[in-house]
Amino acid sequence: MAIELMYITNRTDVALIAQKAGIDRIFVDMEYIGKDIRQGGMDTVQSHHTLEDVKAVRKVLSGSSLLVRCNPIHGKTDEYSSSADEIEAIIEAGADIIMLPYFKTAQEVKTFISLVGGRARTSLLLETKQAAEIIDDILEIKGIDEIYIGLNDLHLCYGMSFMFELLADGTVERLARKIKAKGISFGFGGVARIGTGTLPAECIFGEHYRLGSDRVILSRAFCDVSKEQSVKAIEEKLTAGVKAVREFEKELETWTPEQFEQNRLKTIENTQKVVDIIKSRQS
């Protein structure tokens, strides 16, 4: 199997480069409501992409799919339109997949699916403790095309120091098993380039394969366009990075169950090392 690779950008030139490099989904991120409060002070990406970005990226894509993350379910205020208006506009702009972030209840999921109305694929970003604890109820809802386990916000909800603690402690595996049992496609987390990462990218990809994940977001560390000197440099980095992922996947396809178990244990060990470092800096 080949894991679907997703890359967040609102730049049309970068979207074209990513598509040419073999990235399966271009991710335009319109979520902003409450995100700055939840992730304030953290080194996380808060994109503030717009509907005009969605329209622009849609025009240049011919092979890669277009995923748009909307805001959490919300009503109309003086500052922003309601979820109904927002989702309608995203559909009209040409999104192939719409992702609902930061939901806490089954009713929010039902509302989202109703608003999309089968006109785009529905993707749930499971990133709250409340949603994780009612996963069985959520999985009974009809119309969910896929679920993505968001480790950034979810680890904060559980008071953890490092987002991959959720992978090391079995939380991701527990959720993944339930999701797969319903025949729903899923993915989780973000990943850096092969040979890099606070938690080595090889460990993370190994866990994706062991758990039967279908997709992953290429993190800012995979290619941070703000730090590249030119469009050519971006193209070279994305192309080489995707090629390295696909080569490593060929290796993963030959792994034995024992090798996957060794990788799982290595992931736990490396995660604990990172947590120990974080805690020592905080003390």
C-alpha atoms as a PDB file:
ATOM      1  CA  MET A   1       0.000   0.000   0.000  1.00  0.00           C
ATOM      2  CA  ALA A   2       1.044   3.602  -0.485  1.00  0.00           C
ATOM      3  CA  ILE A   3       0.044   6.068   2.197  1.00  0.00           C
ATOM      4  CA  GLU A   4      -1.702   9.193   0.927  1.00  0.00           C
ATOM      5  CA  LEU A   5       0.499  12.205   1.573  1.00  0.00           C
ATOM      6  CA  MET A   6      -1.052  15.576   2.450  1.00  0.00           C
ATOM      7  CA  TYR A   7       0.640  18.956   2.380  1.00  0.00           C
ATOM      8  CA  ILE A   8      -0.717  22.221   3.810  1.00  0.00           C
ATOM      9  CA  THR A   9      -0.371  25.288   1.591  1.00  0.00           C
ATOM     10  CA  ASN A  10      -2.403  28.131   0.128  1.00  0.00           C
ATOM     11  CA  ARG A  11       0.233  29.038  -2.452  1.00  0.00           C
ATOM     12  CA  THR A  12      -0.671  28.006  -5.973  1.00  0.00           C
ATOM     13  CA  ASP A  13       2.969  27.664  -7.039  1.00  0.00           C
ATOM     14  CA  VAL A  14       3.723  25.388  -4.105  1.00  0.00           C
ATOM     15  CA  ALA A  15       0.511  23.404  -4.709  1.00  0.00           C
ATOM     16  CA  LEU A  16       1.632  22.742  -8.274  1.00  0.00           C
ATOM     17  CA  ILE A  17       5.085  21.679  -7.101  1.00  0.00           C
ATOM     18  CA  ALA A  18       3.566  19.366  -4.472  1.00  0.00           C
ATOM     19  CA  GLN A  19       1.244  17.826  -7.051  1.00  0.00           C
ATOM     20  CA  LYS A  20       4.144  17.257  -9.453  1.00  0.00           C
ATOM     21  CA  ALA A  21       6.196  15.726  -6.612  1.00  0.00           C
ATOM     22  CA  GLY A  22       3.477  13.118  -6.066  1.00  0.00           C
ATOM     23  CA  ILE A  23       1.689  14.522  -3.037  1.00  0.00           C
ATOM     24  CA  ASP A  24      -1.849  13.177  -3.086  1.00  0.00           C
ATOM     25  CA  ARG A  25      -3.749  15.928  -1.307  1.00  0.00           C
ATOM     26  CA  ILE A  26      -3.319  19.660  -1.060  1.00  0.00           C
ATOM     27  CA  PHE A  27      -4.640  20.879   2.287  1.00  0.00           C
ATOM     28  CA  VAL A  28      -6.056  24.410   2.570  1.00  0.00           C
ATOM     29  CA  ASP A  29      -6.642  25.299   6.222  1.00  0.00           C
ATOM     30  CA  MET A  30      -9.447  27.776   6.923  1.00  0.00           C
ATOM     31  CA  GLU A  31      -9.733  26.948  10.635  1.00  0.00           C
ATOM     32  CA  TYR A  32      -9.061  29.821  13.009  1.00  0.00           C
ATOM     33  CA  ILE A  33     -11.904  29.953  15.536  1.00  0.00           C
ATOM     34  CA  GLY A  34     -10.451  29.148  18.978  1.00  0.00           C
ATOM     35  CA  LYS A  35      -7.196  27.786  17.601  1.00  0.00           C
ATOM     36  CA  ASP A  36      -4.997  30.609  18.857  1.00  0.00           C
ATOM     37  CA  ILE A  37      -6.350  30.098  22.380  1.00  0.00           C
ATOM     38  CA  ARG A  38      -5.885  26.308  22.348  1.00  0.00           C
ATOM     39  CA  GLN A  39      -2.388  26.387  20.871  1.00  0.00           C
ATOM     40  CA  GLY A  40      -1.176  29.731  22.144  1.00  0.00           C
ATOM     41  CA  GLY A  41       2.576  29.765  22.737  1.00  0.00           C
ATOM     42  CA  MET A  42       3.126  26.512  20.875  1.00  0.00           C
ATOM     43  CA  ASP A  43       5.271  26.129  17.763  1.00  0.00           C
ATOM     44  CA  THR A  44       2.337  25.009  15.642  1.00  0.00           C
ATOM     45  CA  VAL A  45       1.034  26.102  12.264  1.00  0.00           C
ATOM     46  CA  GLN A  46      -1.973  28.439  12.339  1.00  0.00           C
ATOM     47  CA  SER A  47      -2.622  29.068   8.688  1.00  0.00           C
ATOM     48  CA  HIS A  48      -5.560  31.499   8.427  1.00  0.00           C
ATOM     49  CA  HIS A  49      -6.206  30.502   4.828  1.00  0.00           C
ATOM     50  CA  THR A  50      -9.238  32.003   3.097  1.00  0.00           C
ATOM     51  CA  LEU A  51     -12.011  31.034   0.713  1.00  0.00           C
ATOM     52  CA  GLU A  52     -10.142  32.886  -2.038  1.00  0.00           C
ATOM     53  CA  ASP A  53      -7.189  30.575  -1.387  1.00  0.00           C
ATOM     54  CA  VAL A  54      -9.453  27.559  -1.861  1.00  0.00           C
ATOM     55  CA  LYS A  55     -10.673  28.925  -5.203  1.00  0.00           C
ATOM     56  CA  ALA A  56      -7.160  29.725  -6.393  1.00  0.00           C
ATOM     57  CA  VAL A  57      -5.707  26.336  -5.468  1.00  0.00           C
ATOM     58  CA  ARG A  58      -8.686  24.540  -7.005  1.00  0.00           C
ATOM     59  CA  LYS A  59      -7.914  26.156 -10.373  1.00  0.00           C
ATOM     60  CA  VAL A  60      -4.379  24.789 -10.556  1.00  0.00           C
ATOM     61  CA  LEU A  61      -4.966  21.212  -9.397  1.00  0.00           C
ATOM     62  CA  SER A  62      -5.442  18.454 -11.945  1.00  0.00           C
ATOM     63  CA  GLY A  63      -4.199  15.336 -10.157  1.00  0.00           C
ATOM     64  CA  SER A  64      -4.037  15.963  -6.425  1.00  0.00           C
ATOM     65  CA  SER A  65      -7.233  16.190  -4.391  1.00  0.00           C
ATOM     66  CA  LEU A  66      -8.204  19.368  -2.564  1.00  0.00           C
ATOM     67  CA  LEU A  67      -8.938  19.059   1.162  1.00  0.00           C
ATOM     68  CA  VAL A  68     -10.278  22.056   3.055  1.00  0.00           C
ATOM     69  CA  ARG A  69     -10.452  22.270   6.843  1.00  0.00           C
ATOM     70  CA  CYS A  70     -13.395  24.404   7.905  1.00  0.00           C
ATOM     71  CA  ASN A  71     -14.002  25.856  11.356  1.00  0.00           C
ATOM     72  CA  PRO A  72     -15.658  23.913  14.182  1.00  0.00           C
ATOM     73  CA  ILE A  73     -19.461  23.972  14.094  1.00  0.00           C
ATOM     74  CA  HIS A  74     -20.546  27.509  14.945  1.00  0.00           C
ATOM     75  CA  GLY A  75     -23.453  29.902  14.650  1.00  0.00           C
ATOM     76  CA  LYS A  76     -23.511  33.260  12.944  1.00  0.00           C
ATOM     77  CA  THR A  77     -21.988  36.276  14.720  1.00  0.00           C
ATOM     78  CA  ASP A  78     -20.777  39.712  13.715  1.00  0.00           C
ATOM     79  CA  GLU A  79     -17.309  38.310  13.054  1.00  0.00           C
ATOM     80  CA  TYR A  80     -17.978  35.291  10.856  1.00  0.00           C
ATOM     81  CA  SER A  81     -20.669  33.423   8.969  1.00  0.00           C
ATOM     82  CA  SER A  82     -22.334  30.290  10.292  1.00  0.00           C
ATOM     83  CA  SER A  83     -21.065  26.777   9.573  1.00  0.00           C
ATOM     84  CA  ALA A  84     -23.881  26.393   7.045  1.00  0.00           C
ATOM     85  CA  ASP A  85     -22.683  29.406   5.070  1.00  0.00           C
ATOM     86  CA  GLU A  86     -19.024  28.462   5.385  1.00  0.00           C
ATOM     87  CA  ILE A  87     -19.457  24.857   4.262  1.00  0.00           C
ATOM     88  CA  GLU A  88     -21.720  25.897   1.386  1.00  0.00           C
ATOM     89  CA  ALA A  89     -19.064  28.326   0.171  1.00  0.00           C
ATOM     90  CA  ILE A  90     -16.296  25.707   0.489  1.00  0.00           C
ATOM     91  CA  ILE A  91     -18.307  23.245  -1.590  1.00  0.00           C
ATOM     92  CA  GLU A  92     -18.988  25.892  -4.244  1.00  0.00           C
ATOM     93  CA  ALA A  93     -15.254  26.673  -4.304  1.00  0.00           C
ATOM     94  CA  GLY A  94     -14.567  23.066  -5.344  1.00  0.00           C
ATOM     95  CA  ALA A  95     -13.312  21.166  -2.310  1.00  0.00           C
ATOM     96  CA  ASP A  96     -13.084  17.401  -2.795  1.00  0.00           C
ATOM     97  CA  ILE A  97     -12.877  16.700   0.945  1.00  0.00           C
ATOM     98  CA  ILE A  98     -14.022  18.862   3.870  1.00  0.00           C
ATOM     99  CA  MET A  99     -12.516  18.307   7.309  1.00  0.00           C
ATOM    100  CA  LEU A 100     -14.362  19.129  10.545  1.00  0.00           C
ATOM    101  CA  PRO A 101     -11.983  20.020  13.394  1.00  0.00           C
ATOM    102  CA  TYR A 102     -12.336  20.111  17.160  1.00  0.00           C
ATOM    103  CA  PHE A 103     -15.752  18.510  17.553  1.00  0.00           C
ATOM    104  CA  LYS A 104     -16.810  17.192  20.961  1.00  0.00           C
ATOM    105  CA  THR A 105     -20.259  15.709  20.412  1.00  0.00           C
ATOM    106  CA  ALA A 106     -22.036  13.326  18.078  1.00  0.00           C
ATOM    107  CA  GLN A 107     -24.520  16.085  17.267  1.00  0.00           C
ATOM    108  CA  GLU A 108     -21.757  18.266  15.823  1.00  0.00           C
ATOM    109  CA  VAL A 109     -20.766  15.392  13.540  1.00  0.00           C
ATOM    110  CA  LYS A 110     -24.371  14.867  12.445  1.00  0.00           C
ATOM    111  CA  THR A 111     -24.750  18.588  11.719  1.00  0.00           C
ATOM    112  CA  PHE A 112     -21.550  18.601   9.670  1.00  0.00           C
ATOM    113  CA  ILE A 113     -22.543  15.578   7.596  1.00  0.00           C
ATOM    114  CA  SER A 114     -25.975  17.082   6.992  1.00  0.00           C
ATOM    115  CA  LEU A 115     -24.490  20.402   5.859  1.00  0.00           C
ATOM    116  CA  VAL A 116     -22.098  18.697   3.444  1.00  0.00           C
ATOM    117  CA  GLY A 117     -24.992  16.630   2.134  1.00  0.00           C
ATOM    118  CA  GLY A 118     -22.912  14.169   0.152  1.00  0.00           C
ATOM    119  CA  ARG A 119     -21.462  16.867  -2.102  1.00  0.00           C
ATOM    120  CA  ALA A 120     -17.895  16.284  -0.873  1.00  0.00           C
ATOM    121  CA  ARG A 121     -16.105  13.631   1.157  1.00  0.00           C
ATOM    122  CA  THR A 122     -16.429  14.104   4.904  1.00  0.00           C
ATOM    123  CA  SER A 123     -13.331  13.922   7.083  1.00  0.00           C
ATOM    124  CA  LEU A 124     -13.486  14.142  10.875  1.00  0.00           C
ATOM    125  CA  LEU A 125     -10.476  15.521  12.707  1.00  0.00           C
ATOM    126  CA  LEU A 126     -10.638  13.674  16.011  1.00  0.00           C
ATOM    127  CA  GLU A 127      -8.648  15.896  18.350  1.00  0.00           C
ATOM    128  CA  THR A 128     -10.613  16.314  21.583  1.00  0.00           C
ATOM    129  CA  LYS A 129     -10.778  14.098  24.648  1.00  0.00           C
ATOM    130  CA  GLN A 130     -14.566  14.348  24.582  1.00  0.00           C
ATOM    131  CA  ALA A 131     -14.730  12.955  21.031  1.00  0.00           C
ATOM    132  CA  ALA A 132     -12.229  10.186  21.790  1.00  0.00           C
ATOM    133  CA  GLU A 133     -14.319   9.061  24.744  1.00  0.00           C
ATOM    134  CA  ILE A 134     -17.497   8.737  22.659  1.00  0.00           C
ATOM    135  CA  ILE A 135     -15.831   7.234  19.588  1.00  0.00           C
ATOM    136  CA  ASP A 136     -18.241   4.284  19.591  1.00  0.00           C
ATOM    137  CA  ASP A 137     -21.242   6.619  19.358  1.00  0.00           C
ATOM    138  CA  ILE A 138     -19.597   8.688  16.634  1.00  0.00           C
ATOM    139  CA  LEU A 139     -18.809   5.612  14.569  1.00  0.00           C
ATOM    140  CA  GLU A 140     -22.503   4.718  14.462  1.00  0.00           C
ATOM    141  CA  ILE A 141     -23.245   7.900  12.510  1.00  0.00           C
ATOM    142  CA  LYS A 142     -23.815   7.365   8.793  1.00  0.00           C
ATOM    143  CA  GLY A 143     -21.953   9.432   6.237  1.00  0.00           C
ATOM    144  CA  ILE A 144     -18.442   9.527   7.704  1.00  0.00           C
ATOM    145  CA  ASP A 145     -15.980   8.928   4.887  1.00  0.00           C
ATOM    146  CA  GLU A 146     -12.777   9.147   6.897  1.00  0.00           C
ATOM    147  CA  ILE A 147     -11.327  10.086  10.271  1.00  0.00           C
ATOM    148  CA  TYR A 148      -8.008  11.743  11.038  1.00  0.00           C
ATOM    149  CA  ILE A 149      -6.595  11.530  14.564  1.00  0.00           C
ATOM    150  CA  GLY A 150      -5.121  14.942  15.340  1.00  0.00           C
ATOM    151  CA  LEU A 151      -2.308  14.510  17.837  1.00  0.00           C
ATOM    152  CA  ASN A 152      -1.538  18.194  18.437  1.00  0.00           C
ATOM    153  CA  ASP A 153      -4.742  19.194  20.183  1.00  0.00           C
ATOM    154  CA  LEU A 154      -5.525  15.718  21.490  1.00  0.00           C
ATOM    155  CA  HIS A 155      -2.315  15.435  23.471  1.00  0.00           C
ATOM    156  CA  LEU A 156      -3.029  18.858  25.001  1.00  0.00           C
ATOM    157  CA  CYS A 157      -6.493  17.649  26.035  1.00  0.00           C
ATOM    158  CA  TYR A 158      -4.846  14.770  27.905  1.00  0.00           C
ATOM    159  CA  GLY A 159      -2.245  17.011  29.545  1.00  0.00           C
ATOM    160  CA  MET A 160       0.668  15.331  27.768  1.00  0.00           C
ATOM    161  CA  SER A 161       4.065  16.857  26.984  1.00  0.00           C
ATOM    162  CA  PHE A 162       4.651  15.396  23.506  1.00  0.00           C
ATOM    163  CA  MET A 163       2.048  14.595  20.885  1.00  0.00           C
ATOM    164  CA  PHE A 164       3.459  11.159  20.043  1.00  0.00           C
ATOM    165  CA  GLU A 165       2.805   9.979  23.599  1.00  0.00           C
ATOM    166  CA  LEU A 166      -0.637   9.135  22.196  1.00  0.00           C
ATOM    167  CA  LEU A 167       1.025   6.753  19.764  1.00  0.00           C
ATOM    168  CA  ALA A 168       3.374   5.263  22.348  1.00  0.00           C
ATOM    169  CA  ASP A 169       0.709   4.649  25.010  1.00  0.00           C
ATOM    170  CA  GLY A 170      -1.678   2.809  22.675  1.00  0.00           C
ATOM    171  CA  THR A 171      -4.347   5.528  22.384  1.00  0.00           C
ATOM    172  CA  VAL A 172      -3.937   5.798  18.612  1.00  0.00           C
ATOM    173  CA  GLU A 173      -4.040   2.016  18.247  1.00  0.00           C
ATOM    174  CA  ARG A 174      -7.209   1.752  20.346  1.00  0.00           C
ATOM    175  CA  LEU A 175      -8.969   4.383  18.242  1.00  0.00           C
ATOM    176  CA  ALA A 176      -7.604   2.950  14.996  1.00  0.00           C
ATOM    177  CA  ARG A 177      -8.943  -0.519  15.733  1.00  0.00           C
ATOM    178  CA  LYS A 178     -12.430   0.822  16.371  1.00  0.00           C
ATOM    179  CA  ILE A 179     -12.366   2.962  13.228  1.00  0.00           C
ATOM    180  CA  LYS A 180     -11.074   0.138  11.031  1.00  0.00           C
ATOM    181  CA  ALA A 181     -13.680  -2.256  12.425  1.00  0.00           C
ATOM    182  CA  LYS A 182     -16.328   0.029  10.903  1.00  0.00           C
ATOM    183  CA  GLY A 183     -14.571  -0.001   7.539  1.00  0.00           C
ATOM    184  CA  ILE A 184     -13.708   3.694   7.753  1.00  0.00           C
ATOM    185  CA  SER A 185     -10.447   5.039   6.362  1.00  0.00           C
ATOM    186  CA  PHE A 186      -8.144   6.828   8.821  1.00  0.00           C
ATOM    187  CA  GLY A 187      -4.827   8.564   9.334  1.00  0.00           C
ATOM    188  CA  PHE A 188      -2.989  10.328  12.149  1.00  0.00           C
ATOM    189  CA  GLY A 189      -0.350  12.845  13.122  1.00  0.00           C
ATOM    190  CA  GLY A 190       2.278  14.599  11.079  1.00  0.00           C
ATOM    191  CA  VAL A 191       5.650  13.423   9.845  1.00  0.00           C
ATOM    192  CA  ALA A 192       9.009  14.961   8.979  1.00  0.00           C
ATOM    193  CA  ARG A 193      11.436  13.848   6.271  1.00  0.00           C
ATOM    194  CA  ILE A 194      12.928  10.373   6.268  1.00  0.00           C
ATOM    195  CA  GLY A 195      16.060  10.463   8.402  1.00  0.00           C
ATOM    196  CA  THR A 196      14.795  13.368  10.527  1.00  0.00           C
ATOM    197  CA  GLY A 197      12.211  14.205  13.179  1.00  0.00           C
ATOM    198  CA  THR A 198      12.114  14.588  16.967  1.00  0.00           C
ATOM    199  CA  LEU A 199      10.628  11.118  16.793  1.00  0.00           C
ATOM    200  CA  PRO A 200      12.293   9.545  13.718  1.00  0.00           C
ATOM    201  CA  ALA A 201      10.058   9.601  10.656  1.00  0.00           C
ATOM    202  CA  GLU A 202      10.906   5.935  10.069  1.00  0.00           C
ATOM    203  CA  CYS A 203       9.326   5.012  13.410  1.00  0.00           C
ATOM    204  CA  ILE A 204       6.176   6.933  12.561  1.00  0.00           C
ATOM    205  CA  PHE A 205       5.799   5.434   9.091  1.00  0.00           C
ATOM    206  CA  GLY A 206       6.365   1.990  10.556  1.00  0.00           C
ATOM    207  CA  GLU A 207       3.476   2.575  12.938  1.00  0.00           C
ATOM    208  CA  HIS A 208       1.259   3.824  10.101  1.00  0.00           C
ATOM    209  CA  TYR A 209       1.842   0.562   8.276  1.00  0.00           C
ATOM    210  CA  ARG A 210       1.398  -1.583  11.386  1.00  0.00           C
ATOM    211  CA  LEU A 211      -1.896   0.076  12.248  1.00  0.00           C
ATOM    212  CA  GLY A 212      -3.232   0.155   8.694  1.00  0.00           C
ATOM    213  CA  SER A 213      -3.313   3.936   8.341  1.00  0.00           C
ATOM    214  CA  ASP A 214      -4.234   5.368   4.948  1.00  0.00           C
ATOM    215  CA  ARG A 215      -2.782   8.881   5.094  1.00  0.00           C
ATOM    216  CA  VAL A 216      -0.490  11.319   6.861  1.00  0.00           C
ATOM    217  CA  ILE A 217       0.168  15.056   6.861  1.00  0.00           C
ATOM    218  CA  LEU A 218       3.660  16.098   5.835  1.00  0.00           C
ATOM    219  CA  SER A 219       4.632  18.453   8.637  1.00  0.00           C
ATOM    220  CA  ARG A 220       6.207  21.875   8.372  1.00  0.00           C
ATOM    221  CA  ALA A 221       9.533  20.178   9.155  1.00  0.00           C
ATOM    222  CA  PHE A 222       9.145  18.144   5.951  1.00  0.00           C
ATOM    223  CA  CYS A 223       9.446  21.344   3.907  1.00  0.00           C
ATOM    224  CA  ASP A 224       9.095  24.757   5.519  1.00  0.00           C
ATOM    225  CA  VAL A 225       8.589  27.039   2.520  1.00  0.00           C
ATOM    226  CA  SER A 226       9.179  30.131   4.667  1.00  0.00           C
ATOM    227  CA  LYS A 227      12.784  29.027   5.148  1.00  0.00           C
ATOM    228  CA  GLU A 228      13.575  28.065   1.556  1.00  0.00           C
ATOM    229  CA  GLN A 229      15.476  30.539  -0.606  1.00  0.00           C
ATOM    230  CA  SER A 230      13.634  29.922  -3.876  1.00  0.00           C
ATOM    231  CA  VAL A 231      10.804  28.098  -5.598  1.00  0.00           C
ATOM    232  CA  LYS A 232      13.429  25.785  -7.087  1.00  0.00           C
ATOM    233  CA  ALA A 233      14.668  24.902  -3.596  1.00  0.00           C
ATOM    234  CA  ILE A 234      11.102  24.085  -2.533  1.00  0.00           C
ATOM    235  CA  GLU A 235      10.670  21.862  -5.576  1.00  0.00           C
ATOM    236  CA  GLU A 236      13.921  20.016  -4.922  1.00  0.00           C
ATOM    237  CA  LYS A 237      13.094  19.456  -1.253  1.00  0.00           C
ATOM    238  CA  LEU A 238       9.532  18.241  -1.832  1.00  0.00           C
ATOM    239  CA  THR A 239      10.503  16.015  -4.746  1.00  0.00           C
ATOM    240  CA  ALA A 240      13.392  14.402  -2.877  1.00  0.00           C
ATOM    241  CA  GLY A 241      11.332  14.093   0.289  1.00  0.00           C
ATOM    242  CA  VAL A 242       8.427  12.303  -1.378  1.00  0.00           C
ATOM    243  CA  LYS A 243      10.813  10.021  -3.267  1.00  0.00           C
ATOM    244  CA  ALA A 244      12.488   9.031   0.019  1.00  0.00           C
ATOM    245  CA  VAL A 245       9.087   8.245   1.575  1.00  0.00           C
ATOM    246  CA  ARG A 246       8.100   6.023  -1.337  1.00  0.00           C
ATOM    247  CA  GLU A 247      11.431   4.210  -1.209  1.00  0.00           C
ATOM    248  CA  PHE A 248      11.054   3.589   2.515  1.00  0.00           C
ATOM    249  CA  GLU A 249       7.531   2.299   1.936  1.00  0.00           C
ATOM    250  CA  LYS A 250       8.954  -0.381  -0.353  1.00  0.00           C
ATOM    251  CA  GLU A 251      11.114  -1.497   2.564  1.00  0.00           C
ATOM    252  CA  LEU A 252       8.136  -1.456   4.947  1.00  0.00           C
ATOM    253  CA  GLU A 253       6.213  -3.763   2.636  1.00  0.00           C
ATOM    254  CA  THR A 254       8.834  -6.449   3.319  1.00  0.00           C
ATOM    255  CA  TRP A 255       8.817  -6.116   7.115  1.00  0.00           C
ATOM    256  CA  THR A 256       7.851  -9.114   9.224  1.00  0.00           C
ATOM    257  CA  PRO A 257       5.502  -8.902  12.237  1.00  0.00           C
ATOM    258  CA  GLU A 258       8.597  -9.106  14.427  1.00  0.00           C
ATOM    259  CA  GLN A 259      10.099  -6.053  12.744  1.00  0.00           C
ATOM    260  CA  PHE A 260       6.909  -4.058  13.235  1.00  0.00           C
ATOM    261  CA  GLU A 261       6.896  -5.049  16.903  1.00  0.00           C
ATOM    262  CA  GLN A 262      10.526  -3.980  17.256  1.00  0.00           C
ATOM    263  CA  ASN A 263       9.625  -0.644  15.672  1.00  0.00           C
ATOM    264  CA  ARG A 264       6.680  -0.227  18.054  1.00  0.00           C
ATOM    265  CA  LEU A 265       8.969  -0.745  21.035  1.00  0.00           C
ATOM    266  CA  LYS A 266      11.548   1.618  19.546  1.00  0.00           C
ATOM    267  CA  THR A 267       8.808   4.232  19.124  1.00  0.00           C
ATOM    268  CA  ILE A 268       7.879   3.909  22.804  1.00  0.00           C
ATOM    269  CA  GLU A 269      11.521   4.165  23.871  1.00  0.00           C
ATOM    270  CA  ASN A 270      12.261   7.205  21.706  1.00  0.00           C
ATOM    271  CA  THR A 271       9.059   8.926  22.771  1.00  0.00           C
ATOM    272  CA  GLN A 272       9.969   8.498  26.434  1.00  0.00           C
ATOM    273  CA  LYS A 273      13.383  10.026  25.772  1.00  0.00           C
ATOM    274  CA  VAL A 274      11.743  13.095  24.247  1.00  0.00           C
ATOM    275  CA  VAL A 275       9.292  13.388  27.152  1.00  0.00           C
ATOM    276  CA  ASP A 276      12.161  13.144  29.660  1.00  0.00           C
ATOM    277  CA  ILE A 277      14.006  15.945  27.873  1.00  0.00           C
ATOM    278  CA  ILE A 278      10.907  18.163  27.799  1.00  0.00           C
ATOM    279  CA  LYS A 279      10.229  17.605  31.492  1.00  0.00           C
ATOM    280  CA  SER A 280      13.840  18.252  32.451  1.00  0.00           C
ATOM    281  CA  ARG A 281      13.686  21.610  30.671  1.00  0.00           C
ATOM    282  CA  GLN A 282      10.470  22.495  32.482  1.00  0.00           C
ATOM    283  CA  SER A 283      11.840  21.664  35.944  1.00  0.00           C
END
